[in-house]
N, C-alpha and C. Protein backbone atom coordinates (compact mmCIF):
# COMPACT_ATOMS: atom_id res chain seq x y z
N GLY A 1 22.35 50.00 -65.60
CA GLY A 1 23.00 49.91 -64.83
C GLY A 1 23.33 51.48 -64.25
N ASN A 2 23.75 51.32 -63.00
CA ASN A 2 23.70 52.43 -62.04
C ASN A 2 22.45 52.98 -61.68
N THR A 3 21.50 52.10 -61.63
CA THR A 3 20.11 52.13 -61.18
C THR A 3 19.57 52.71 -59.63
N VAL A 4 20.62 52.46 -58.83
CA VAL A 4 19.88 52.93 -57.70
C VAL A 4 20.47 54.31 -57.23
N SER A 5 21.42 54.92 -57.64
CA SER A 5 22.05 56.22 -57.14
C SER A 5 22.84 56.89 -58.18
N THR A 6 22.98 58.21 -58.38
CA THR A 6 24.21 58.85 -59.28
C THR A 6 25.48 58.98 -58.39
N GLU A 7 26.53 59.38 -59.01
CA GLU A 7 27.54 59.31 -58.54
C GLU A 7 27.71 60.00 -57.34
N LYS A 8 26.98 61.37 -57.44
CA LYS A 8 26.95 62.30 -56.28
C LYS A 8 26.35 61.61 -55.18
N GLU A 9 25.03 61.00 -55.21
CA GLU A 9 24.32 60.11 -53.95
C GLU A 9 25.30 59.34 -53.43
N ASN A 10 26.08 58.06 -54.61
CA ASN A 10 26.76 57.37 -53.75
C ASN A 10 28.01 57.90 -52.68
N GLU A 11 28.57 59.34 -53.12
CA GLU A 11 29.37 59.77 -52.57
C GLU A 11 28.96 60.56 -51.21
N ASP A 12 27.71 61.01 -51.25
CA ASP A 12 26.93 61.50 -50.09
C ASP A 12 26.52 60.47 -49.20
N ILE A 13 26.08 59.15 -50.02
CA ILE A 13 25.99 58.00 -48.98
C ILE A 13 27.39 57.17 -48.09
N SER A 14 28.47 57.38 -49.15
CA SER A 14 29.72 56.93 -48.29
C SER A 14 30.21 57.72 -47.45
N ASN A 15 29.81 58.95 -47.38
CA ASN A 15 30.17 60.04 -46.17
C ASN A 15 29.04 59.61 -45.04
N ILE A 16 28.29 59.31 -45.21
CA ILE A 16 27.45 59.13 -44.20
C ILE A 16 27.99 57.64 -43.79
N LEU A 17 28.04 56.76 -44.07
CA LEU A 17 28.89 55.41 -44.08
C LEU A 17 30.25 55.33 -43.82
N SER A 18 30.48 56.19 -43.77
CA SER A 18 32.28 56.38 -43.68
C SER A 18 32.29 56.24 -41.68
N SER A 19 33.72 55.26 -41.77
CA SER A 19 33.90 55.17 -40.31
C SER A 19 34.51 56.57 -39.48
N PRO A 20 34.23 56.69 -38.53
CA PRO A 20 34.51 57.83 -37.63
C PRO A 20 35.90 57.79 -37.24
N LYS A 21 36.95 58.92 -36.52
CA LYS A 21 37.94 58.76 -36.41
C LYS A 21 38.40 57.47 -35.60
N ARG A 22 39.96 57.18 -35.33
CA ARG A 22 40.03 56.17 -35.02
C ARG A 22 39.82 56.07 -33.23
N GLY A 23 39.49 55.07 -32.90
CA GLY A 23 39.26 54.92 -31.21
C GLY A 23 38.15 55.41 -31.15
N LYS A 24 37.23 55.63 -31.64
CA LYS A 24 35.68 56.33 -31.43
C LYS A 24 34.73 54.91 -31.82
N LYS A 25 33.82 54.78 -31.30
CA LYS A 25 32.71 53.37 -31.59
C LYS A 25 32.19 53.97 -32.81
N LYS A 26 32.01 53.06 -33.75
CA LYS A 26 31.53 53.46 -35.07
C LYS A 26 29.93 52.98 -34.93
N GLU A 27 28.95 54.22 -35.20
CA GLU A 27 27.74 53.98 -34.88
C GLU A 27 27.09 54.72 -36.53
N LEU A 28 25.84 54.39 -36.24
CA LEU A 28 25.03 54.59 -37.78
C LEU A 28 23.96 54.63 -37.05
N HIS A 29 23.57 55.79 -37.05
CA HIS A 29 22.10 56.62 -36.72
C HIS A 29 20.81 56.11 -37.38
N TYR A 30 19.86 55.77 -36.67
CA TYR A 30 18.64 55.58 -37.86
C TYR A 30 17.99 56.69 -38.97
N ASP A 31 18.48 58.00 -38.62
CA ASP A 31 18.34 59.05 -39.49
C ASP A 31 19.10 58.97 -40.83
N LYS A 32 20.18 58.28 -40.49
CA LYS A 32 20.98 58.47 -41.48
C LYS A 32 20.70 57.01 -42.05
N MET A 33 20.51 55.71 -41.47
CA MET A 33 20.24 54.47 -42.53
C MET A 33 19.01 54.88 -43.30
N GLU A 34 18.10 55.74 -42.78
CA GLU A 34 16.88 56.00 -43.53
C GLU A 34 17.49 56.78 -44.77
N LYS A 35 18.10 57.63 -44.73
CA LYS A 35 18.47 58.51 -45.57
C LYS A 35 19.23 57.86 -46.77
N ALA A 36 19.93 57.06 -46.07
CA ALA A 36 21.14 55.74 -47.19
C ALA A 36 20.34 55.08 -47.92
N ALA A 37 19.00 54.66 -47.25
CA ALA A 37 17.64 53.59 -47.84
C ALA A 37 16.97 54.10 -48.70
N ALA A 38 16.74 55.41 -48.90
CA ALA A 38 15.50 56.15 -49.28
C ALA A 38 15.47 55.87 -51.08
N PRO A 39 16.85 56.01 -51.53
CA PRO A 39 16.65 55.92 -52.82
C PRO A 39 16.50 54.69 -53.21
N LEU A 40 16.72 53.63 -52.59
CA LEU A 40 16.73 52.39 -53.19
C LEU A 40 15.09 51.85 -52.85
N ARG A 41 14.62 52.30 -51.76
CA ARG A 41 13.04 52.07 -51.73
C ARG A 41 12.28 53.11 -52.73
N LEU A 42 12.71 53.64 -53.11
CA LEU A 42 11.87 55.03 -54.27
C LEU A 42 11.95 53.93 -55.22
N LEU A 43 13.48 53.37 -55.67
CA LEU A 43 13.44 52.59 -57.24
C LEU A 43 12.60 51.50 -57.04
N ASP A 44 12.55 50.35 -55.80
CA ASP A 44 11.75 49.50 -55.46
C ASP A 44 10.22 49.73 -56.17
N GLY A 45 10.07 51.02 -55.50
CA GLY A 45 8.46 51.10 -55.57
C GLY A 45 7.85 51.17 -57.22
N GLN A 46 9.03 52.03 -57.84
CA GLN A 46 8.96 52.27 -59.60
C GLN A 46 9.09 51.24 -59.94
N LEU A 47 9.95 50.13 -59.83
CA LEU A 47 10.09 48.71 -60.50
C LEU A 47 9.02 48.04 -60.43
N HIS A 48 8.84 48.08 -59.11
CA HIS A 48 7.33 47.37 -58.75
C HIS A 48 6.02 47.87 -59.44
N GLU A 49 5.77 48.81 -59.78
CA GLU A 49 4.72 49.40 -60.83
C GLU A 49 4.91 49.18 -62.15
N LEU A 50 6.07 49.16 -62.57
CA LEU A 50 6.45 48.96 -63.89
C LEU A 50 6.38 47.64 -63.80
N SER A 51 6.63 46.53 -63.15
CA SER A 51 7.03 45.37 -63.41
C SER A 51 5.40 44.58 -63.39
N LYS A 52 4.40 45.37 -63.23
CA LYS A 52 3.25 45.18 -63.30
C LYS A 52 2.35 44.76 -64.87
N THR A 53 3.28 45.66 -65.50
CA THR A 53 2.96 45.87 -66.85
C THR A 53 3.58 45.40 -67.91
N ILE A 54 4.65 45.32 -67.24
CA ILE A 54 6.16 44.71 -68.20
C ILE A 54 7.14 43.89 -67.83
N ASN A 55 7.84 42.95 -68.84
CA ASN A 55 9.19 42.45 -67.77
C ASN A 55 9.86 43.59 -67.76
N VAL A 56 10.65 43.40 -66.55
CA VAL A 56 11.91 44.28 -66.48
C VAL A 56 12.59 43.50 -65.79
N ASP A 57 14.25 43.52 -66.53
CA ASP A 57 15.22 43.16 -66.05
C ASP A 57 16.17 44.14 -65.69
N VAL A 58 16.82 43.75 -64.68
CA VAL A 58 17.53 45.08 -64.08
C VAL A 58 19.14 44.71 -64.02
N ILE A 59 19.82 45.19 -64.71
CA ILE A 59 21.14 45.01 -64.69
C ILE A 59 22.28 46.05 -64.06
N PRO A 60 23.05 45.35 -63.17
CA PRO A 60 23.91 46.32 -62.14
C PRO A 60 25.19 46.99 -63.00
N GLY A 61 25.11 48.30 -62.66
CA GLY A 61 26.24 49.22 -62.89
C GLY A 61 27.54 49.43 -62.16
N PRO A 62 28.43 50.24 -62.92
CA PRO A 62 29.86 50.00 -61.80
C PRO A 62 29.64 50.68 -60.63
N ASN A 63 28.73 51.74 -60.11
CA ASN A 63 28.44 52.30 -58.97
C ASN A 63 27.23 51.19 -57.88
N ASP A 64 26.70 50.37 -58.48
CA ASP A 64 25.76 49.69 -57.69
C ASP A 64 26.41 48.69 -56.81
N PRO A 65 25.73 48.47 -55.53
CA PRO A 65 26.16 47.48 -54.39
C PRO A 65 26.42 45.81 -55.24
N THR A 66 26.86 45.87 -55.93
CA THR A 66 27.43 44.58 -56.39
C THR A 66 28.66 44.54 -56.33
N ASN A 67 29.40 42.93 -57.09
CA ASN A 67 30.62 42.66 -57.13
C ASN A 67 31.63 43.61 -58.27
N TYR A 68 32.38 44.00 -58.10
CA TYR A 68 32.98 44.93 -59.16
C TYR A 68 33.57 43.76 -60.44
N THR A 69 33.55 42.94 -60.23
CA THR A 69 34.73 41.86 -61.15
C THR A 69 33.41 41.43 -62.09
N LEU A 70 33.94 41.12 -63.44
CA LEU A 70 32.92 40.42 -64.32
C LEU A 70 32.63 39.15 -64.24
N PRO A 71 31.61 38.38 -64.68
CA PRO A 71 30.43 39.35 -64.93
C PRO A 71 29.89 39.66 -63.43
N GLN A 72 29.67 41.13 -63.50
CA GLN A 72 28.98 41.25 -62.10
C GLN A 72 27.40 40.42 -61.77
N GLN A 73 27.46 40.13 -60.38
CA GLN A 73 26.30 39.24 -60.29
C GLN A 73 25.01 40.20 -60.11
N PRO A 74 24.10 39.74 -60.03
CA PRO A 74 22.58 40.34 -60.02
C PRO A 74 22.28 40.53 -58.71
N PHE A 75 21.42 41.83 -58.54
CA PHE A 75 21.18 42.32 -57.11
C PHE A 75 20.67 41.32 -56.66
N ASN A 76 21.11 41.47 -55.05
CA ASN A 76 20.17 40.59 -54.20
C ASN A 76 18.93 41.00 -53.81
N TYR A 77 17.96 39.76 -54.14
CA TYR A 77 16.42 40.18 -53.86
C TYR A 77 16.14 40.85 -52.57
N PHE A 78 16.94 41.00 -51.45
CA PHE A 78 16.62 41.63 -50.50
C PHE A 78 16.45 43.44 -50.68
N LEU A 79 17.41 43.32 -51.85
CA LEU A 79 17.54 45.13 -52.09
C LEU A 79 15.94 45.24 -52.82
N PHE A 80 15.19 44.64 -53.40
CA PHE A 80 13.84 44.93 -53.99
C PHE A 80 12.72 43.95 -53.78
N PRO A 81 12.65 44.40 -51.94
CA PRO A 81 11.28 43.27 -51.49
C PRO A 81 9.95 43.55 -52.03
N LEU A 82 9.62 44.66 -52.91
CA LEU A 82 8.40 44.12 -53.59
C LEU A 82 8.45 44.04 -54.68
N SER A 83 9.34 44.17 -55.42
CA SER A 83 9.48 43.68 -56.92
C SER A 83 10.01 42.71 -57.39
N HIS A 84 10.99 41.93 -56.45
CA HIS A 84 11.24 40.50 -56.57
C HIS A 84 9.99 39.56 -56.60
N LYS A 85 8.72 39.98 -55.91
CA LYS A 85 7.97 39.10 -55.89
C LYS A 85 6.89 38.78 -57.27
N LEU A 86 7.23 39.53 -58.02
CA LEU A 86 6.53 39.79 -59.13
C LEU A 86 7.28 38.79 -60.05
N SER A 87 6.82 37.69 -61.16
CA SER A 87 7.34 37.06 -62.13
C SER A 87 7.91 37.84 -63.05
N SER A 88 7.62 38.77 -62.97
CA SER A 88 8.07 39.94 -64.52
C SER A 88 9.40 40.50 -64.09
N PHE A 89 9.85 40.40 -63.06
CA PHE A 89 11.06 41.68 -62.47
C PHE A 89 12.40 40.26 -62.57
N LYS A 90 13.11 40.96 -63.08
CA LYS A 90 14.47 40.09 -62.92
C LYS A 90 15.73 40.82 -62.60
N SER A 91 16.48 40.31 -61.61
CA SER A 91 17.80 40.89 -61.41
C SER A 91 18.78 40.12 -62.02
N VAL A 92 19.35 40.75 -63.39
CA VAL A 92 20.33 39.84 -63.92
C VAL A 92 21.90 40.42 -63.88
N THR A 93 22.53 39.48 -64.39
CA THR A 93 24.11 39.96 -64.24
C THR A 93 24.25 41.05 -65.48
N SER A 94 25.56 41.11 -65.58
CA SER A 94 26.03 42.23 -66.35
C SER A 94 27.54 41.45 -66.91
N PRO A 95 27.65 40.95 -67.83
CA PRO A 95 26.88 41.15 -69.25
C PRO A 95 25.40 40.23 -68.90
N TYR A 96 24.68 40.22 -70.00
CA TYR A 96 23.64 39.45 -69.85
C TYR A 96 22.50 39.27 -71.33
N THR A 97 22.66 37.80 -71.56
CA THR A 97 22.06 37.48 -73.04
C THR A 97 20.85 37.37 -73.07
N PHE A 98 19.72 37.66 -73.77
CA PHE A 98 18.57 37.24 -73.98
C PHE A 98 18.34 36.83 -75.22
N ASP A 99 16.98 36.26 -75.29
CA ASP A 99 16.41 36.26 -77.01
C ASP A 99 15.29 37.06 -76.79
N TYR A 100 15.23 37.61 -77.85
CA TYR A 100 13.97 38.56 -78.12
C TYR A 100 13.39 38.66 -79.35
N ASP A 101 12.15 38.00 -80.09
CA ASP A 101 11.99 38.03 -81.05
C ASP A 101 12.96 37.19 -81.95
N SER A 102 13.16 36.16 -81.72
CA SER A 102 14.02 35.25 -82.34
C SER A 102 15.39 35.79 -82.38
N ILE A 103 16.17 37.04 -81.85
CA ILE A 103 16.77 38.12 -82.04
C ILE A 103 17.73 37.19 -80.28
N ASN A 104 19.07 36.99 -80.64
CA ASN A 104 19.92 36.88 -79.09
C ASN A 104 20.62 38.49 -78.94
N ILE A 105 20.33 38.98 -78.03
CA ILE A 105 20.41 40.21 -77.47
C ILE A 105 21.59 39.85 -76.47
N LEU A 106 22.66 40.56 -76.02
CA LEU A 106 23.69 40.94 -75.36
C LEU A 106 23.60 42.47 -74.94
N ALA A 107 23.06 42.15 -73.51
CA ALA A 107 23.02 43.76 -72.87
C ALA A 107 24.22 43.57 -71.88
N THR A 108 24.54 44.79 -71.62
CA THR A 108 25.92 45.35 -70.50
C THR A 108 25.67 46.77 -70.15
N ASN A 109 26.40 47.03 -68.57
CA ASN A 109 25.98 48.21 -68.17
C ASN A 109 27.09 48.97 -68.74
N GLY A 110 27.51 48.80 -69.95
CA GLY A 110 28.97 49.48 -70.32
C GLY A 110 30.36 49.69 -69.81
N THR A 111 30.62 49.19 -69.15
CA THR A 111 31.86 48.95 -68.25
C THR A 111 32.68 48.45 -69.41
N GLU A 112 32.36 47.54 -69.92
CA GLU A 112 33.53 46.86 -71.00
C GLU A 112 33.70 47.80 -71.88
N ILE A 113 32.85 48.77 -72.59
CA ILE A 113 33.11 49.40 -73.46
C ILE A 113 34.15 50.76 -73.10
N ASN A 114 33.45 51.33 -71.95
CA ASN A 114 34.27 52.30 -71.05
C ASN A 114 36.57 51.86 -70.96
N ASN A 115 36.15 50.32 -71.00
CA ASN A 115 37.54 50.14 -70.47
C ASN A 115 38.37 50.01 -71.79
N ILE A 116 37.83 50.18 -73.28
CA ILE A 116 38.54 49.92 -74.50
C ILE A 116 39.60 51.14 -74.82
């Protein structure tokens, strides 16, 4: 979870994307869009390299760009243009179950535990 950016980076990106004062046209300049997208492109490159050697399942966290209700839906494949082309890369829901060596495993992003 929270694989795209830290809480501080999310705040910085929110400030970049926040709407201007009333009455003014909202504009998002190219350089601001590039700054907002940079962490995601970096992550996609790293996941792409990692997925070349092992299976990678990415679970969305509470601060990631997915829905806020449970179960959280997987990341849209457009967010990972390099990684999603590999069969070893999967964007999954949270919570997510899978079998490993005949053991059934439940993986979550921790939101459920934090809410107890």
